Amino acid sequence: MKDEQEIKKELIDELILLRSQIADLKEAAKKSKQMEERLRESEELFKRIFNEIPIGISTVGADFRFIRTNKAFCTMTGYEERELTALTFRDLTHPDHVATDVENVTRVLNKEIPFYQTEKRYIRKDKAIVWGKTIVSSIFDLSGQFQHFLAMTEDITERKRMEEELRKSEIRYRRITETITDYIYTVRIRDGRAIETRHGAGCRIVTGYSEQEFRSDPHLWINMVAVEDRPAVIDQAKGALAGKKVSPLEHRIIHKRGVLRWVRNTIVLRYDPQERLHAYDGLIQDITDRKQAEAEREKLIAELQKAMSEVKKLSGFLPICASCKKIRNDEGYWQQIESYIKEHSEAEFSHGMCPDCGKKYYPEYFQKRGE
């Protein structure tokens, strides 16, 4: 039998153990309460971030129906959250993007890809079109079961509008530059010699060569001139370097593409305050269209003059035989009047017989007719 002292000692030990367990429970309860508080704070923080972040956030089920959406996504689409829970993402997506969206979301669901990103058009409640940059990923629990899709959407409508305006501006600029047929070049002069030539940005449109190509090849400006026109171009340049007032010169160049172009080169001399020639500017104008029009006009005039000269032959003095009625042509040969007139005019002949000749050559026929 245990004596009183042993029993007392056991009771004290049990009491100490119990007090320790109670302390542990209190500490665990305290920690649990702290964890609950932290969890509550985390949830509050998540809710605040979810609702206040300027990027649209939504959770979507496997049936593509919205589960939860934040304020930014509602503002972007024009729907209230309760309205969105009755819709699927197909209802908000422009028809042009639906097939691609479904394909990629399915790949995310099947874990073929971790997420996918796209820029697409959304249809608002008021039927207006907005652009969104969307990243979609899938959420799974610890056991690997699918929970929902998480989509983050940034409203990029304004960016798309600016991109479209920029695209239109670039098209307008390209159209304008394509119509430019002039450019300016500058020649710096020292002691009567050219020491530097700079060609304006429009040189590529007129000549096909860039500013850099002209800088790299100091002789390009003369080498691109048609061989027959080089002496006149060189004389014009020499006159300008000598300080003489030179007249505009029209000449041909070989475009970088190998085609022949006509240009007009107008030179303006520049003097320093001491009246010394230090540079001259040249205006190069593409006059190919004008030259072609002039050539067409000259051709037309020549054709008209030729036609008029041929018409005058018929209105002038025509030697004709009094008997057979043949006409003597310019080469001195006698020619049937029909063929002569046909060659020198647009007249055509249809042969017949007048009544007088008919009576003369066919009297029997006319006697039968009683004439």
Protein backbone atom coordinates (compact mmCIF):
# COMPACT_ATOMS: atom_id res chain seq x y z
CA MET A 1 0.00 0.00 0.00
CA LYS A 2 1.17 3.45 -0.85
CA ASP A 3 1.77 5.66 2.07
CA GLU A 4 0.33 9.10 2.34
CA GLN A 5 3.49 10.80 1.14
CA GLU A 6 3.58 8.87 -2.14
CA ILE A 7 -0.09 9.55 -2.80
CA LYS A 8 0.41 13.21 -2.10
CA LYS A 9 3.40 13.33 -4.46
CA GLU A 10 1.43 11.64 -7.26
CA LEU A 11 -1.44 14.06 -6.84
CA ILE A 12 0.95 17.03 -7.00
CA ASP A 13 2.58 15.63 -10.17
CA GLU A 14 -0.82 15.11 -11.78
CA LEU A 15 -1.82 18.62 -10.78
CA ILE A 16 1.35 20.06 -12.32
CA LEU A 17 0.74 18.06 -15.54
CA LEU A 18 -2.87 19.21 -15.64
CA ARG A 19 -1.84 22.83 -15.16
CA SER A 20 0.68 22.44 -17.95
CA GLN A 21 -1.96 20.95 -20.27
CA ILE A 22 -4.35 23.74 -19.36
CA ALA A 23 -1.62 26.28 -20.18
CA ASP A 24 -0.98 24.53 -23.48
CA LEU A 25 -4.69 24.58 -24.29
CA LYS A 26 -4.89 28.24 -23.43
CA GLU A 27 -1.87 28.94 -25.63
CA ALA A 28 -3.35 26.88 -28.46
CA ALA A 29 -6.66 28.67 -28.07
CA LYS A 30 -4.85 31.98 -28.13
CA LYS A 31 -2.94 31.00 -31.26
CA SER A 32 -6.13 29.71 -32.84
CA LYS A 33 -7.84 32.99 -32.11
CA GLN A 34 -4.86 34.85 -33.58
CA MET A 35 -4.99 32.65 -36.65
CA GLU A 36 -8.70 33.26 -36.96
CA GLU A 37 -8.08 36.96 -36.66
CA ARG A 38 -5.32 36.83 -39.25
CA LEU A 39 -7.52 34.74 -41.51
CA ARG A 40 -10.31 37.26 -41.12
CA GLU A 41 -7.91 40.11 -41.84
CA SER A 42 -6.61 38.26 -44.90
CA GLU A 43 -10.13 37.68 -46.12
CA GLU A 44 -10.97 41.35 -45.60
CA LEU A 45 -7.80 42.36 -47.43
CA PHE A 46 -8.61 39.99 -50.29
CA LYS A 47 -12.14 41.36 -50.55
CA ARG A 48 -10.84 44.93 -50.52
CA ILE A 49 -8.22 44.20 -53.18
CA PHE A 50 -10.70 42.13 -55.22
CA ASN A 51 -13.23 44.93 -55.29
CA GLU A 52 -10.93 47.97 -55.49
CA ILE A 53 -8.26 46.81 -57.93
CA PRO A 54 -8.69 48.62 -61.30
CA ILE A 55 -8.31 45.35 -63.22
CA GLY A 56 -11.38 43.22 -63.81
CA ILE A 57 -11.35 39.90 -61.93
CA SER A 58 -13.86 37.10 -62.34
CA THR A 59 -14.20 33.46 -61.38
CA VAL A 60 -15.87 31.18 -63.91
CA GLY A 61 -17.17 27.65 -63.50
CA ALA A 62 -16.57 24.64 -65.74
CA ASP A 63 -19.83 25.49 -67.53
CA PHE A 64 -18.29 28.90 -68.39
CA ARG A 65 -20.85 30.68 -66.18
CA PHE A 66 -19.66 33.58 -64.02
CA ILE A 67 -19.45 32.78 -60.32
CA ARG A 68 -18.08 36.01 -58.93
CA THR A 69 -16.95 39.33 -60.47
CA ASN A 70 -15.39 42.45 -59.06
CA LYS A 71 -16.38 46.09 -59.45
CA ALA A 72 -13.90 46.82 -62.26
CA PHE A 73 -15.22 43.98 -64.42
CA CYS A 74 -18.81 45.09 -63.81
CA THR A 75 -17.92 48.66 -64.79
CA MET A 76 -16.17 47.47 -67.94
CA THR A 77 -19.08 45.29 -69.09
CA GLY A 78 -21.93 47.49 -67.84
CA TYR A 79 -23.57 44.62 -65.90
CA GLU A 80 -24.20 44.22 -62.18
CA GLU A 81 -22.64 41.19 -60.50
CA ARG A 82 -25.99 39.46 -60.00
CA GLU A 83 -26.69 39.86 -63.74
CA LEU A 84 -23.31 38.40 -64.69
CA THR A 85 -23.91 35.23 -62.63
CA ALA A 86 -26.73 34.40 -65.06
CA LEU A 87 -24.40 34.71 -68.08
CA THR A 88 -21.44 32.82 -69.53
CA PHE A 89 -18.30 34.36 -70.93
CA ARG A 90 -19.63 33.45 -74.41
CA ASP A 91 -22.46 35.97 -73.88
CA LEU A 92 -19.95 38.79 -73.42
CA THR A 93 -17.37 37.73 -76.00
CA HIS A 94 -17.47 39.02 -79.57
CA PRO A 95 -18.41 36.16 -81.95
CA ASP A 96 -15.05 36.45 -83.73
CA HIS A 97 -13.24 35.35 -80.55
CA VAL A 98 -15.54 32.69 -79.08
CA ALA A 99 -14.09 29.63 -80.85
CA THR A 100 -10.51 30.53 -79.93
CA ASP A 101 -11.52 31.27 -76.33
CA VAL A 102 -13.29 27.93 -75.87
CA GLU A 103 -10.34 26.04 -77.35
CA ASN A 104 -7.79 27.71 -75.07
CA VAL A 105 -9.93 27.54 -71.91
CA THR A 106 -10.38 23.80 -72.52
CA ARG A 107 -6.60 23.40 -72.80
CA VAL A 108 -6.19 25.20 -69.47
CA LEU A 109 -8.83 22.96 -67.87
CA ASN A 110 -7.04 19.84 -69.16
CA LYS A 111 -3.73 21.17 -67.77
CA GLU A 112 -2.22 21.24 -71.26
CA ILE A 113 -1.15 24.85 -70.60
CA PRO A 114 -0.94 26.69 -67.24
CA PHE A 115 -2.75 29.77 -68.54
CA TYR A 116 -3.50 31.67 -71.69
CA GLN A 117 -3.49 35.35 -72.58
CA THR A 118 -5.49 37.12 -75.27
CA GLU A 119 -6.72 40.50 -76.43
CA LYS A 120 -10.35 40.36 -77.47
CA ARG A 121 -13.52 42.37 -77.84
CA TYR A 122 -16.28 42.28 -75.24
CA ILE A 123 -19.91 43.21 -75.86
CA ARG A 124 -21.23 45.47 -73.11
CA LYS A 125 -24.79 45.44 -71.82
CA ASP A 126 -25.50 48.53 -73.95
CA LYS A 127 -24.10 46.63 -77.02
CA ALA A 128 -21.03 48.86 -77.19
CA ILE A 129 -17.72 47.15 -78.00
CA VAL A 130 -14.80 47.31 -75.56
CA TRP A 131 -11.38 45.70 -75.78
CA GLY A 132 -9.90 43.66 -72.94
CA LYS A 133 -6.54 42.02 -72.31
CA THR A 134 -7.43 38.81 -70.47
CA ILE A 135 -5.31 36.21 -68.65
CA VAL A 136 -7.11 32.97 -67.73
CA SER A 137 -5.81 30.28 -65.36
CA SER A 138 -7.46 27.40 -63.52
CA ILE A 139 -7.67 26.81 -59.76
CA PHE A 140 -7.47 23.27 -58.32
CA ASP A 141 -7.79 22.12 -54.69
CA LEU A 142 -5.16 20.08 -52.80
CA SER A 143 -6.62 16.85 -54.14
CA GLY A 144 -6.32 18.10 -57.73
CA GLN A 145 -10.02 18.70 -58.26
CA PHE A 146 -10.96 21.62 -60.46
CA GLN A 147 -12.52 24.53 -58.56
CA HIS A 148 -12.95 27.34 -61.08
CA PHE A 149 -11.26 29.52 -63.70
CA LEU A 150 -9.68 32.77 -62.61
CA ALA A 151 -9.73 35.53 -65.23
CA MET A 152 -8.04 38.91 -64.95
CA THR A 153 -9.12 41.46 -67.57
CA GLU A 154 -7.60 44.87 -68.24
CA ASP A 155 -9.68 47.39 -70.18
CA ILE A 156 -7.48 48.35 -73.17
CA THR A 157 -10.16 50.09 -75.22
CA GLU A 158 -8.37 53.43 -75.09
CA ARG A 159 -5.07 51.83 -76.06
CA LYS A 160 -6.74 50.12 -79.03
CA ARG A 161 -8.35 53.40 -80.05
CA MET A 162 -4.96 55.13 -79.97
CA GLU A 163 -3.37 52.27 -81.93
CA GLU A 164 -6.09 52.61 -84.58
CA GLU A 165 -5.58 56.37 -84.73
CA LEU A 166 -1.84 55.80 -85.07
CA ARG A 167 -2.43 53.26 -87.85
CA LYS A 168 -4.66 55.72 -89.71
CA SER A 169 -2.09 58.50 -89.21
CA GLU A 170 0.64 56.28 -90.61
CA ILE A 171 -1.51 55.51 -93.65
CA ARG A 172 -2.19 59.22 -94.18
CA TYR A 173 1.51 60.02 -93.78
CA ARG A 174 2.48 57.27 -96.22
CA ARG A 175 -0.04 58.54 -98.76
CA ILE A 176 1.27 62.08 -98.38
CA THR A 177 4.92 61.04 -98.72
CA GLU A 178 4.07 58.93 -101.76
CA THR A 179 2.75 62.05 -103.49
CA ILE A 180 5.85 64.12 -102.71
CA THR A 181 7.89 64.57 -105.88
CA ASP A 182 10.35 67.23 -104.64
CA TYR A 183 13.34 67.30 -102.33
CA ILE A 184 16.07 69.76 -101.41
CA TYR A 185 19.81 69.19 -101.29
CA THR A 186 22.52 71.51 -99.98
CA VAL A 187 26.11 71.83 -101.20
CA ARG A 188 28.63 73.51 -98.89
CA ILE A 189 31.41 75.37 -100.67
CA ARG A 190 34.91 76.36 -99.64
CA ASP A 191 37.36 78.10 -101.97
CA GLY A 192 35.15 77.37 -104.94
CA ARG A 193 35.02 73.64 -104.25
CA ALA A 194 32.19 71.48 -102.94
CA ILE A 195 33.17 70.04 -99.55
CA GLU A 196 29.87 68.48 -98.46
CA THR A 197 26.50 67.60 -99.98
CA ARG A 198 23.41 66.78 -97.95
CA HIS A 199 20.28 65.34 -99.54
CA GLY A 200 16.86 65.84 -97.97
CA ALA A 201 14.61 63.02 -96.76
CA GLY A 202 12.54 63.08 -99.95
CA CYS A 203 15.50 61.89 -102.02
CA ARG A 204 14.47 58.25 -101.60
CA ILE A 205 11.04 58.87 -103.16
CA VAL A 206 12.45 60.72 -106.16
CA THR A 207 15.67 58.75 -106.78
CA GLY A 208 15.20 55.50 -104.85
CA TYR A 209 18.43 56.18 -102.91
CA SER A 210 18.57 57.07 -99.20
CA GLU A 211 20.42 59.94 -97.55
CA GLN A 212 22.94 57.43 -96.20
CA GLU A 213 23.61 56.06 -99.70
CA PHE A 214 24.32 59.57 -100.98
CA ARG A 215 26.67 60.20 -98.03
CA SER A 216 28.48 56.90 -98.60
CA ASP A 217 29.02 57.53 -102.33
CA PRO A 218 30.06 61.14 -103.13
CA HIS A 219 29.72 60.45 -106.88
CA LEU A 220 26.25 58.94 -106.75
CA TRP A 221 24.62 62.28 -107.62
CA ILE A 222 26.30 62.33 -111.05
CA ASN A 223 26.44 58.57 -111.66
CA MET A 224 22.65 58.33 -111.51
CA VAL A 225 22.31 60.97 -114.27
CA ALA A 226 21.65 59.60 -117.74
CA VAL A 227 24.95 59.53 -119.66
CA GLU A 228 23.68 61.84 -122.40
CA ASP A 229 22.68 64.48 -119.82
CA ARG A 230 25.81 64.45 -117.63
CA PRO A 231 27.69 67.22 -119.46
CA ALA A 232 24.81 69.65 -118.96
CA VAL A 233 24.48 68.68 -115.27
CA ILE A 234 28.22 69.12 -114.71
CA ASP A 235 28.15 72.53 -116.42
CA GLN A 236 25.28 73.63 -114.18
CA ALA A 237 27.20 72.55 -111.05
CA LYS A 238 30.40 74.27 -112.24
CA GLY A 239 28.49 77.46 -112.88
CA ALA A 240 27.02 77.39 -109.36
CA LEU A 241 30.45 76.74 -107.79
CA ALA A 242 31.78 79.73 -109.74
CA GLY A 243 29.06 81.91 -108.26
CA LYS A 244 27.15 82.29 -111.49
CA LYS A 245 23.38 82.47 -111.62
CA VAL A 246 22.38 79.26 -113.37
CA SER A 247 19.06 78.46 -115.00
CA PRO A 248 16.94 75.49 -113.94
CA LEU A 249 17.94 72.33 -115.78
CA GLU A 250 15.67 69.49 -116.83
CA HIS A 251 17.46 66.17 -117.23
CA ARG A 252 17.06 62.43 -116.85
CA ILE A 253 18.20 60.19 -114.01
CA ILE A 254 18.23 56.42 -113.57
CA HIS A 255 16.09 55.53 -110.55
CA LYS A 256 17.48 52.88 -108.22
CA ARG A 257 14.84 50.50 -109.63
CA GLY A 258 16.45 50.97 -113.05
CA VAL A 259 13.67 53.08 -114.58
CA LEU A 260 14.24 56.40 -116.34
CA ARG A 261 12.92 59.49 -114.56
CA TRP A 262 12.88 63.18 -115.51
CA VAL A 263 13.82 65.83 -112.91
CA ARG A 264 14.12 69.60 -112.82
CA ASN A 265 17.09 70.94 -110.85
CA THR A 266 16.77 74.56 -109.63
CA ILE A 267 19.80 76.06 -107.84
CA VAL A 268 19.77 79.01 -105.41
CA LEU A 269 23.12 80.47 -104.30
CA ARG A 270 23.78 81.32 -100.62
CA TYR A 271 26.24 83.98 -99.45
CA ASP A 272 27.71 84.77 -96.02
CA PRO A 273 27.61 88.30 -94.47
CA GLN A 274 30.81 89.16 -96.35
CA GLU A 275 29.05 88.33 -99.65
CA ARG A 276 31.18 85.25 -100.15
CA LEU A 277 29.58 82.19 -101.69
CA HIS A 278 29.52 79.47 -99.03
CA ALA A 279 26.77 77.13 -100.24
CA TYR A 280 23.94 76.59 -102.64
CA ASP A 281 20.60 74.82 -102.30
CA GLY A 282 19.08 72.73 -105.05
CA LEU A 283 15.44 71.84 -105.52
CA ILE A 284 14.92 68.54 -107.31
CA GLN A 285 11.44 68.10 -108.76
CA ASP A 286 10.22 64.90 -110.37
CA ILE A 287 8.68 66.00 -113.69
CA THR A 288 8.36 62.55 -115.25
CA ASP A 289 4.57 62.75 -115.49
CA ARG A 290 4.78 66.14 -117.15
CA LYS A 291 7.37 64.92 -119.65
CA GLN A 292 5.27 61.88 -120.49
CA ALA A 293 2.23 64.09 -120.98
CA GLU A 294 4.26 66.39 -123.25
CA ALA A 295 5.48 63.41 -125.27
CA GLU A 296 1.92 62.16 -125.66
CA ARG A 297 0.82 65.62 -126.73
CA GLU A 298 3.61 65.88 -129.30
CA LYS A 299 2.71 62.46 -130.65
CA LEU A 300 -0.95 63.45 -130.93
CA ILE A 301 -0.04 66.72 -132.67
CA ALA A 302 2.14 64.85 -135.18
CA GLU A 303 -0.64 62.41 -135.90
CA LEU A 304 -3.12 65.25 -136.38
CA GLN A 305 -0.73 67.10 -138.66
CA LYS A 306 -0.22 63.98 -140.73
CA ALA A 307 -3.97 63.44 -140.99
CA MET A 308 -4.52 67.09 -141.95
CA SER A 309 -1.83 66.89 -144.62
CA GLU A 310 -3.52 63.86 -146.13
CA VAL A 311 -6.90 65.60 -146.08
CA LYS A 312 -5.34 68.64 -147.86
CA LYS A 313 -4.31 66.42 -150.77
CA LEU A 314 -7.95 65.90 -151.54
CA SER A 315 -8.73 69.59 -151.41
CA GLY A 316 -5.81 70.63 -153.61
CA PHE A 317 -5.24 70.33 -157.38
CA LEU A 318 -5.87 66.73 -158.58
CA PRO A 319 -4.75 65.72 -162.13
CA ILE A 320 -7.55 63.54 -163.58
CA CYS A 321 -7.88 61.84 -166.97
CA ALA A 322 -10.73 63.30 -169.03
CA SER A 323 -11.43 59.91 -170.55
CA CYS A 324 -10.95 57.11 -167.98
CA LYS A 325 -11.15 59.42 -164.95
CA LYS A 326 -7.95 58.04 -163.35
CA ILE A 327 -6.02 60.33 -161.00
CA ARG A 328 -2.26 60.84 -161.11
CA ASN A 329 -0.85 60.32 -157.60
CA ASP A 330 2.22 61.93 -155.93
CA GLU A 331 4.53 59.27 -157.39
CA GLY A 332 3.36 60.05 -160.94
CA TYR A 333 1.31 56.90 -161.41
CA TRP A 334 -2.26 56.90 -162.66
CA GLN A 335 -4.65 55.41 -160.16
CA GLN A 336 -8.34 54.60 -160.11
CA ILE A 337 -10.21 57.47 -158.51
CA GLU A 338 -11.91 55.10 -156.03
CA SER A 339 -8.66 53.68 -154.66
CA TYR A 340 -7.02 57.11 -154.50
CA ILE A 341 -9.82 58.67 -152.48
CA LYS A 342 -9.99 55.60 -150.24
CA GLU A 343 -6.24 55.87 -149.44
CA HIS A 344 -6.43 59.59 -148.68
CA SER A 345 -9.65 59.66 -146.70
CA GLU A 346 -11.96 57.52 -144.63
CA ALA A 347 -14.50 57.23 -147.46
CA GLU A 348 -15.76 53.81 -148.58
CA PHE A 349 -17.23 53.02 -152.00
CA SER A 350 -20.40 51.14 -152.94
CA HIS A 351 -20.70 50.58 -156.73
CA GLY A 352 -23.97 51.01 -158.60
CA MET A 353 -25.18 52.41 -162.00
CA CYS A 354 -26.96 55.62 -162.81
CA PRO A 355 -30.05 55.57 -165.16
CA ASP A 356 -28.19 57.23 -168.07
CA CYS A 357 -25.43 54.58 -168.06
CA GLY A 358 -28.02 51.88 -167.62
CA LYS A 359 -29.87 52.94 -170.81
CA LYS A 360 -26.57 53.15 -172.64
CA TYR A 361 -25.19 49.74 -171.69
CA TYR A 362 -28.41 47.79 -171.06
CA PRO A 363 -31.06 49.25 -173.49
CA GLU A 364 -33.10 46.03 -173.63
CA TYR A 365 -33.73 46.06 -169.90
CA PHE A 366 -34.90 49.63 -169.89
CA GLN A 367 -37.08 49.14 -173.02
CA LYS A 368 -38.91 46.32 -171.22
CA ARG A 369 -39.52 48.62 -168.30
CA GLY A 370 -40.97 51.20 -170.63
CA GLU A 371 -38.39 53.80 -169.86
